[in-house]
PDB file of all heavy atoms in Angstrom:
ATOM      1  N   ASP A   1     111.542  82.329 107.433  1.00  0.00           N
ATOM      2  CA  ASP A   1     111.216  83.503 106.613  1.00  0.00           C
ATOM      3  C   ASP A   1     111.889  83.401 105.254  1.00  0.00           C
ATOM      4  O   ASP A   1     113.056  83.004 105.155  1.00  0.00           O
ATOM      5  CB  ASP A   1     111.670  84.791 107.298  1.00  0.00           C
ATOM      6  CG  ASP A   1     110.778  85.170 108.455  1.00  0.00           C
ATOM      7  OD1 ASP A   1     109.621  84.716 108.471  1.00  0.00           O
ATOM      8  OD2 ASP A   1     111.237  85.922 109.336  1.00  0.00           O
ATOM      9  N   TYR A   2     111.142  83.754 104.212  1.00  0.00           N
ATOM     10  CA  TYR A   2     111.652  83.753 102.843  1.00  0.00           C
ATOM     11  C   TYR A   2     111.390  85.113 102.218  1.00  0.00           C
ATOM     12  O   TYR A   2     110.352  85.715 102.450  1.00  0.00           O
ATOM     13  CB  TYR A   2     110.943  82.690 101.992  1.00  0.00           C
ATOM     14  CG  TYR A   2     111.213  81.283 102.443  1.00  0.00           C
ATOM     15  CD1 TYR A   2     110.346  80.646 103.324  1.00  0.00           C
ATOM     16  CD2 TYR A   2     112.332  80.600 101.994  1.00  0.00           C
ATOM     17  CE1 TYR A   2     110.584  79.365 103.752  1.00  0.00           C
ATOM     18  CE2 TYR A   2     112.586  79.309 102.421  1.00  0.00           C
ATOM     19  CZ  TYR A   2     111.710  78.693 103.293  1.00  0.00           C
ATOM     20  OH  TYR A   2     111.953  77.409 103.724  1.00  0.00           O
ATOM     21  N   VAL A   3     112.331  85.572 101.418  1.00  0.00           N
ATOM     22  CA  VAL A   3     112.145  86.802 100.657  1.00  0.00           C
ATOM     23  C   VAL A   3     111.723  86.407  99.248  1.00  0.00           C
ATOM     24  O   VAL A   3     112.437  85.681  98.561  1.00  0.00           O
ATOM     25  CB  VAL A   3     113.433  87.653 100.612  1.00  0.00           C
ATOM     26  CG1 VAL A   3     113.231  88.866  99.720  1.00  0.00           C
ATOM     27  CG2 VAL A   3     113.837  88.070 102.014  1.00  0.00           C
ATOM     28  N   ILE A   4     110.552  86.867  98.845  1.00  0.00           N
ATOM     29  CA  ILE A   4     110.065  86.632  97.479  1.00  0.00           C
ATOM     30  C   ILE A   4     110.378  87.913  96.707  1.00  0.00           C
ATOM     31  O   ILE A   4     109.596  88.853  96.703  1.00  0.00           O
ATOM     32  CB  ILE A   4     108.550  86.339  97.460  1.00  0.00           C
ATOM     33  CG1 ILE A   4     108.177  85.252  98.457  1.00  0.00           C
ATOM     34  CG2 ILE A   4     108.085  85.989  96.064  1.00  0.00           C
ATOM     35  CD1 ILE A   4     108.778  83.901  98.192  1.00  0.00           C
ATOM     36  N   ASP A   5     111.571  87.965  96.084  1.00  0.00           N
ATOM     37  CA  ASP A   5     111.986  89.213  95.437  1.00  0.00           C
ATOM     38  C   ASP A   5     111.544  89.322  93.982  1.00  0.00           C
ATOM     39  O   ASP A   5     111.573  90.398  93.407  1.00  0.00           O
ATOM     40  CB  ASP A   5     113.490  89.425  95.561  1.00  0.00           C
ATOM     41  CG  ASP A   5     114.306  88.273  95.000  1.00  0.00           C
ATOM     42  OD1 ASP A   5     113.715  87.239  94.649  1.00  0.00           O
ATOM     43  OD2 ASP A   5     115.537  88.416  94.917  1.00  0.00           O
ATOM     44  N   LEU A   6     111.118  88.222  93.377  1.00  0.00           N
ATOM     45  CA  LEU A   6     110.573  88.255  92.023  1.00  0.00           C
ATOM     46  C   LEU A   6     109.257  87.478  92.006  1.00  0.00           C
ATOM     47  O   LEU A   6     109.195  86.327  91.566  1.00  0.00           O
ATOM     48  CB  LEU A   6     111.554  87.650  91.013  1.00  0.00           C
ATOM     49  CG  LEU A   6     112.839  88.436  90.781  1.00  0.00           C
ATOM     50  CD1 LEU A   6     113.780  87.644  89.890  1.00  0.00           C
ATOM     51  CD2 LEU A   6     112.560  89.792  90.186  1.00  0.00           C
ATOM     52  N   PRO A   7     108.186  88.093  92.485  1.00  0.00           N
ATOM     53  CA  PRO A   7     106.904  87.376  92.538  1.00  0.00           C
ATOM     54  C   PRO A   7     106.374  87.029  91.146  1.00  0.00           C
ATOM     55  O   PRO A   7     106.669  87.704  90.162  1.00  0.00           O
ATOM     56  CB  PRO A   7     105.970  88.350  93.247  1.00  0.00           C
ATOM     57  CG  PRO A   7     106.671  89.642  93.343  1.00  0.00           C
ATOM     58  CD  PRO A   7     108.103  89.434  93.023  1.00  0.00           C
ATOM     59  N   THR A   8     105.594  85.972  91.093  1.00  0.00           N
ATOM     60  CA  THR A   8     104.992  85.516  89.840  1.00  0.00           C
ATOM     61  C   THR A   8     103.831  86.433  89.462  1.00  0.00           C
ATOM     62  O   THR A   8     103.006  86.776  90.290  1.00  0.00           O
ATOM     63  CB  THR A   8     104.478  84.076  89.991  1.00  0.00           C
ATOM     64  OG1 THR A   8     105.573  83.241  90.361  1.00  0.00           O
ATOM     65  CG2 THR A   8     103.873  83.573  88.701  1.00  0.00           C
ATOM     66  N   LYS A   9     103.803  86.824  88.192  1.00  0.00           N
ATOM     67  CA  LYS A   9     102.723  87.641  87.629  1.00  0.00           C
ATOM     68  C   LYS A   9     102.289  87.022  86.311  1.00  0.00           C
ATOM     69  O   LYS A   9     102.881  86.055  85.838  1.00  0.00           O
ATOM     70  CB  LYS A   9     103.188  89.085  87.376  1.00  0.00           C
ATOM     71  CG  LYS A   9     103.710  89.820  88.592  1.00  0.00           C
ATOM     72  CD  LYS A   9     102.602  90.169  89.534  1.00  0.00           C
ATOM     73  CE  LYS A   9     103.167  90.975  90.695  1.00  0.00           C
ATOM     74  NZ  LYS A   9     102.193  91.218  91.704  1.00  0.00           N
ATOM     75  N   VAL A  10     101.282  87.603  85.695  1.00  0.00           N
ATOM     76  CA  VAL A  10     100.818  87.187  84.376  1.00  0.00           C
ATOM     77  C   VAL A  10     100.835  88.411  83.474  1.00  0.00           C
ATOM     78  O   VAL A  10     100.402  89.491  83.886  1.00  0.00           O
ATOM     79  CB  VAL A  10      99.378  86.617  84.456  1.00  0.00           C
ATOM     80  CG1 VAL A  10      98.848  86.306  83.076  1.00  0.00           C
ATOM     81  CG2 VAL A  10      99.346  85.376  85.314  1.00  0.00           C
ATOM     82  N   LYS A  11     101.342  88.249  82.252  1.00  0.00           N
ATOM     83  CA  LYS A  11     101.340  89.350  81.287  1.00  0.00           C
ATOM     84  C   LYS A  11     100.357  89.020  80.171  1.00  0.00           C
ATOM     85  O   LYS A  11     100.436  87.958  79.551  1.00  0.00           O
ATOM     86  CB  LYS A  11     102.732  89.582  80.710  1.00  0.00           C
ATOM     87  CG  LYS A  11     102.751  90.710  79.686  1.00  0.00           C
ATOM     88  CD  LYS A  11     104.137  91.208  79.345  1.00  0.00           C
ATOM     89  CE  LYS A  11     104.979  90.216  78.644  1.00  0.00           C
ATOM     90  NZ  LYS A  11     106.221  90.808  78.088  1.00  0.00           N
ATOM     91  N   ILE A  12      99.418  89.948  79.953  1.00  0.00           N
ATOM     92  CA  ILE A  12      98.455  89.827  78.865  1.00  0.00           C
ATOM     93  C   ILE A  12      98.872  90.838  77.795  1.00  0.00           C
ATOM     94  O   ILE A  12      99.018  92.022  78.089  1.00  0.00           O
ATOM     95  CB  ILE A  12      97.029  90.142  79.342  1.00  0.00           C
ATOM     96  CG1 ILE A  12      96.620  89.229  80.489  1.00  0.00           C
ATOM     97  CG2 ILE A  12      96.035  90.025  78.178  1.00  0.00           C
ATOM     98  CD1 ILE A  12      95.327  89.648  81.169  1.00  0.00           C
ATOM     99  N   GLU A  13      99.057  90.368  76.569  1.00  0.00           N
ATOM    100  CA  GLU A  13      99.423  91.248  75.458  1.00  0.00           C
ATOM    101  C   GLU A  13      98.313  91.217  74.415  1.00  0.00           C
ATOM    102  O   GLU A  13      97.828  90.154  74.046  1.00  0.00           O
ATOM    103  CB  GLU A  13     100.729  90.785  74.818  1.00  0.00           C
ATOM    104  CG  GLU A  13     101.907  90.794  75.772  1.00  0.00           C
ATOM    105  CD  GLU A  13     103.129  90.155  75.167  1.00  0.00           C
ATOM    106  OE1 GLU A  13     103.841  90.846  74.414  1.00  0.00           O
ATOM    107  OE2 GLU A  13     103.359  88.967  75.439  1.00  0.00           O
ATOM    108  N   MET A  14      97.945  92.423  73.952  1.00  0.00           N
ATOM    109  CA  MET A  14      96.896  92.546  72.942  1.00  0.00           C
ATOM    110  C   MET A  14      97.297  93.623  71.938  1.00  0.00           C
ATOM    111  O   MET A  14      97.868  94.637  72.326  1.00  0.00           O
ATOM    112  CB  MET A  14      95.569  92.972  73.580  1.00  0.00           C
ATOM    113  CG  MET A  14      95.025  92.026  74.598  1.00  0.00           C
ATOM    114  SD  MET A  14      93.781  92.811  75.651  1.00  0.00           S
ATOM    115  CE  MET A  14      94.834  93.586  76.861  1.00  0.00           C
ATOM    116  N   VAL A  15      96.987  93.408  70.689  1.00  0.00           N
ATOM    117  CA  VAL A  15      97.100  94.454  69.671  1.00  0.00           C
ATOM    118  C   VAL A  15      95.665  94.817  69.306  1.00  0.00           C
ATOM    119  O   VAL A  15      94.896  93.954  68.878  1.00  0.00           O
ATOM    120  CB  VAL A  15      97.898  93.982  68.442  1.00  0.00           C
ATOM    121  CG1 VAL A  15      97.932  95.067  67.379  1.00  0.00           C
ATOM    122  CG2 VAL A  15      99.314  93.591  68.854  1.00  0.00           C
ATOM    123  N   VAL A  16      95.319  96.093  69.499  1.00  0.00           N
ATOM    124  CA  VAL A  16      93.925  96.522  69.385  1.00  0.00           C
ATOM    125  C   VAL A  16      93.812  97.803  68.576  1.00  0.00           C
ATOM    126  O   VAL A  16      94.788  98.514  68.358  1.00  0.00           O
ATOM    127  CB  VAL A  16      93.292  96.718  70.786  1.00  0.00           C
ATOM    128  CG1 VAL A  16      93.314  95.420  71.565  1.00  0.00           C
ATOM    129  CG2 VAL A  16      94.000  97.812  71.552  1.00  0.00           C
ATOM    130  N   ARG A  17      92.595  98.108  68.173  1.00  0.00           N
ATOM    131  CA  ARG A  17      92.333  99.368  67.473  1.00  0.00           C
ATOM    132  C   ARG A  17      92.458 100.532  68.452  1.00  0.00           C
ATOM    133  O   ARG A  17      92.140 100.392  69.636  1.00  0.00           O
ATOM    134  CB  ARG A  17      90.924  99.351  66.877  1.00  0.00           C
ATOM    135  CG  ARG A  17      90.782  98.370  65.744  1.00  0.00           C
ATOM    136  CD  ARG A  17      89.350  98.355  65.207  1.00  0.00           C
ATOM    137  NE  ARG A  17      89.240  97.436  64.110  1.00  0.00           N
ATOM    138  CZ  ARG A  17      89.043  96.122  64.231  1.00  0.00           C
ATOM    139  NH1 ARG A  17      88.920  95.577  65.421  1.00  0.00           N
ATOM    140  NH2 ARG A  17      88.962  95.348  63.169  1.00  0.00           N
ATOM    141  N   ASP A  18      92.877 101.673  67.953  1.00  0.00           N
ATOM    142  CA  ASP A  18      93.062 102.860  68.792  1.00  0.00           C
ATOM    143  C   ASP A  18      91.813 103.198  69.595  1.00  0.00           C
ATOM    144  O   ASP A  18      91.894 103.543  70.773  1.00  0.00           O
ATOM    145  CB  ASP A  18      93.449 104.077  67.939  1.00  0.00           C
ATOM    146  CG  ASP A  18      94.847 103.966  67.363  1.00  0.00           C
ATOM    147  OD1 ASP A  18      95.649 103.162  67.873  1.00  0.00           O
ATOM    148  OD2 ASP A  18      95.145 104.700  66.397  1.00  0.00           O
ATOM    149  N   GLU A  19      90.655 103.070  68.975  1.00  0.00           N
ATOM    150  CA  GLU A  19      89.415 103.472  69.641  1.00  0.00           C
ATOM    151  C   GLU A  19      88.998 102.517  70.766  1.00  0.00           C
ATOM    152  O   GLU A  19      88.129 102.847  71.575  1.00  0.00           O
ATOM    153  CB  GLU A  19      88.272 103.628  68.633  1.00  0.00           C
ATOM    154  CG  GLU A  19      87.969 102.402  67.820  1.00  0.00           C
ATOM    155  CD  GLU A  19      88.712 102.346  66.479  1.00  0.00           C
ATOM    156  OE1 GLU A  19      89.688 103.086  66.279  1.00  0.00           O
ATOM    157  OE2 GLU A  19      88.292 101.536  65.633  1.00  0.00           O
ATOM    158  N   ASP A  20      89.619 101.334  70.852  1.00  0.00           N
ATOM    159  CA  ASP A  20      89.270 100.365  71.893  1.00  0.00           C
ATOM    160  C   ASP A  20      90.152 100.447  73.137  1.00  0.00           C
ATOM    161  O   ASP A  20      89.857  99.822  74.147  1.00  0.00           O
ATOM    162  CB  ASP A  20      89.344  98.938  71.324  1.00  0.00           C
ATOM    163  CG  ASP A  20      88.354  98.708  70.195  1.00  0.00           C
ATOM    164  OD1 ASP A  20      87.317  99.407  70.173  1.00  0.00           O
ATOM    165  OD2 ASP A  20      88.623  97.850  69.344  1.00  0.00           O
ATOM    166  N   VAL A  21      91.227 101.216  73.062  1.00  0.00           N
ATOM    167  CA  VAL A  21      92.231 101.233  74.136  1.00  0.00           C
ATOM    168  C   VAL A  21      91.660 101.678  75.478  1.00  0.00           C
ATOM    169  O   VAL A  21      91.878 101.023  76.504  1.00  0.00           O
ATOM    170  CB  VAL A  21      93.446 102.098  73.732  1.00  0.00           C
ATOM    171  CG1 VAL A  21      94.388 102.291  74.909  1.00  0.00           C
ATOM    172  CG2 VAL A  21      94.183 101.482  72.560  1.00  0.00           C
ATOM    173  N   GLU A  22      90.918 102.767  75.506  1.00  0.00           N
ATOM    174  CA  GLU A  22      90.419 103.296  76.781  1.00  0.00           C
ATOM    175  C   GLU A  22      89.489 102.302  77.484  1.00  0.00           C
ATOM    176  O   GLU A  22      89.566 102.119  78.700  1.00  0.00           O
ATOM    177  CB  GLU A  22      89.710 104.639  76.579  1.00  0.00           C
ATOM    178  CG  GLU A  22      90.653 105.766  76.217  1.00  0.00           C
ATOM    179  CD  GLU A  22      91.771 105.971  77.238  1.00  0.00           C
ATOM    180  OE1 GLU A  22      91.501 105.913  78.460  1.00  0.00           O
ATOM    181  OE2 GLU A  22      92.922 106.170  76.818  1.00  0.00           O
ATOM    182  N   GLU A  23      88.616 101.649  76.725  1.00  0.00           N
ATOM    183  CA  GLU A  23      87.693 100.680  77.318  1.00  0.00           C
ATOM    184  C   GLU A  23      88.452  99.463  77.860  1.00  0.00           C
ATOM    185  O   GLU A  23      88.121  98.929  78.923  1.00  0.00           O
ATOM    186  CB  GLU A  23      86.646 100.242  76.289  1.00  0.00           C
ATOM    187  CG  GLU A  23      85.580  99.346  76.866  1.00  0.00           C
ATOM    188  CD  GLU A  23      84.502  98.989  75.857  1.00  0.00           C
ATOM    189  OE1 GLU A  23      84.737  99.110  74.635  1.00  0.00           O
ATOM    190  OE2 GLU A  23      83.419  98.587  76.305  1.00  0.00           O
ATOM    191  N   ILE A  24      89.484  99.053  77.141  1.00  0.00           N
ATOM    192  CA  ILE A  24      90.311  97.928  77.601  1.00  0.00           C
ATOM    193  C   ILE A  24      91.036  98.292  78.892  1.00  0.00           C
ATOM    194  O   ILE A  24      91.048  97.512  79.853  1.00  0.00           O
ATOM    195  CB  ILE A  24      91.295  97.502  76.497  1.00  0.00           C
ATOM    196  CG1 ILE A  24      90.522  96.820  75.364  1.00  0.00           C
ATOM    197  CG2 ILE A  24      92.391  96.600  77.052  1.00  0.00           C
ATOM    198  CD1 ILE A  24      91.316  96.607  74.102  1.00  0.00           C
ATOM    199  N   ILE A  25      91.616  99.475  78.945  1.00  0.00           N
ATOM    200  CA  ILE A  25      92.312  99.927  80.157  1.00  0.00           C
ATOM    201  C   ILE A  25      91.349  99.953  81.338  1.00  0.00           C
ATOM    202  O   ILE A  25      91.662  99.450  82.422  1.00  0.00           O
ATOM    203  CB  ILE A  25      92.962 101.305  79.937  1.00  0.00           C
ATOM    204  CG1 ILE A  25      94.132 101.179  78.970  1.00  0.00           C
ATOM    205  CG2 ILE A  25      93.409 101.916  81.257  1.00  0.00           C
ATOM    206  CD1 ILE A  25      94.709 102.515  78.520  1.00  0.00           C
ATOM    207  N   GLU A  26      90.181 100.537  81.154  1.00  0.00           N
ATOM    208  CA  GLU A  26      89.202 100.628  82.236  1.00  0.00           C
ATOM    209  C   GLU A  26      88.775  99.237  82.714  1.00  0.00           C
ATOM    210  O   GLU A  26      88.635  98.993  83.918  1.00  0.00           O
ATOM    211  CB  GLU A  26      87.982 101.438  81.788  1.00  0.00           C
ATOM    212  CG  GLU A  26      86.981 101.689  82.878  1.00  0.00           C
ATOM    213  CD  GLU A  26      87.537 102.466  84.068  1.00  0.00           C
ATOM    214  OE1 GLU A  26      88.426 103.321  83.877  1.00  0.00           O
ATOM    215  OE2 GLU A  26      87.084 102.206  85.202  1.00  0.00           O
ATOM    216  N   THR A  27      88.591  98.319  81.782  1.00  0.00           N
ATOM    217  CA  THR A  27      88.192  96.953  82.129  1.00  0.00           C
ATOM    218  C   THR A  27      89.265  96.266  82.971  1.00  0.00           C
ATOM    219  O   THR A  27      88.965  95.640  83.987  1.00  0.00           O
ATOM    220  CB  THR A  27      87.903  96.140  80.855  1.00  0.00           C
ATOM    221  OG1 THR A  27      86.845  96.774  80.138  1.00  0.00           O
ATOM    222  CG2 THR A  27      87.514  94.709  81.173  1.00  0.00           C
ATOM    223  N   VAL A  28      90.525  96.397  82.573  1.00  0.00           N
ATOM    224  CA  VAL A  28      91.615  95.776  83.329  1.00  0.00           C
ATOM    225  C   VAL A  28      91.752  96.429  84.700  1.00  0.00           C
ATOM    226  O   VAL A  28      91.966  95.746  85.707  1.00  0.00           O
ATOM    227  CB  VAL A  28      92.937  95.835  82.540  1.00  0.00           C
ATOM    228  CG1 VAL A  28      94.100  95.329  83.388  1.00  0.00           C
ATOM    229  CG2 VAL A  28      92.833  95.038  81.247  1.00  0.00           C
ATOM    230  N   LEU A  29      91.599  97.746  84.766  1.00  0.00           N
ATOM    231  CA  LEU A  29      91.688  98.437  86.055  1.00  0.00           C
ATOM    232  C   LEU A  29      90.612  97.957  87.022  1.00  0.00           C
ATOM    233  O   LEU A  29      90.868  97.728  88.205  1.00  0.00           O
ATOM    234  CB  LEU A  29      91.582  99.946  85.867  1.00  0.00           C
ATOM    235  CG  LEU A  29      92.790 100.640  85.241  1.00  0.00           C
ATOM    236  CD1 LEU A  29      92.475 102.113  84.994  1.00  0.00           C
ATOM    237  CD2 LEU A  29      94.022 100.491  86.105  1.00  0.00           C
ATOM    238  N   VAL A  30      89.384  97.799  86.537  1.00  0.00           N
ATOM    239  CA  VAL A  30      88.279  97.390  87.402  1.00  0.00           C
ATOM    240  C   VAL A  30      88.437  95.932  87.840  1.00  0.00           C
ATOM    241  O   VAL A  30      88.274  95.608  89.016  1.00  0.00           O
ATOM    242  CB  VAL A  30      86.926  97.603  86.683  1.00  0.00           C
ATOM    243  CG1 VAL A  30      85.796  96.917  87.431  1.00  0.00           C
ATOM    244  CG2 VAL A  30      86.649  99.086  86.517  1.00  0.00           C
TER     245      VAL A  30
END
């Protein structure tokens, strides 16, 4: 048995226009 206490993830960073934020959030959520 192993404890994986810091699992590997990926971070996506974007600088976007204010009006695009909601669509980006919804896309990532889906």
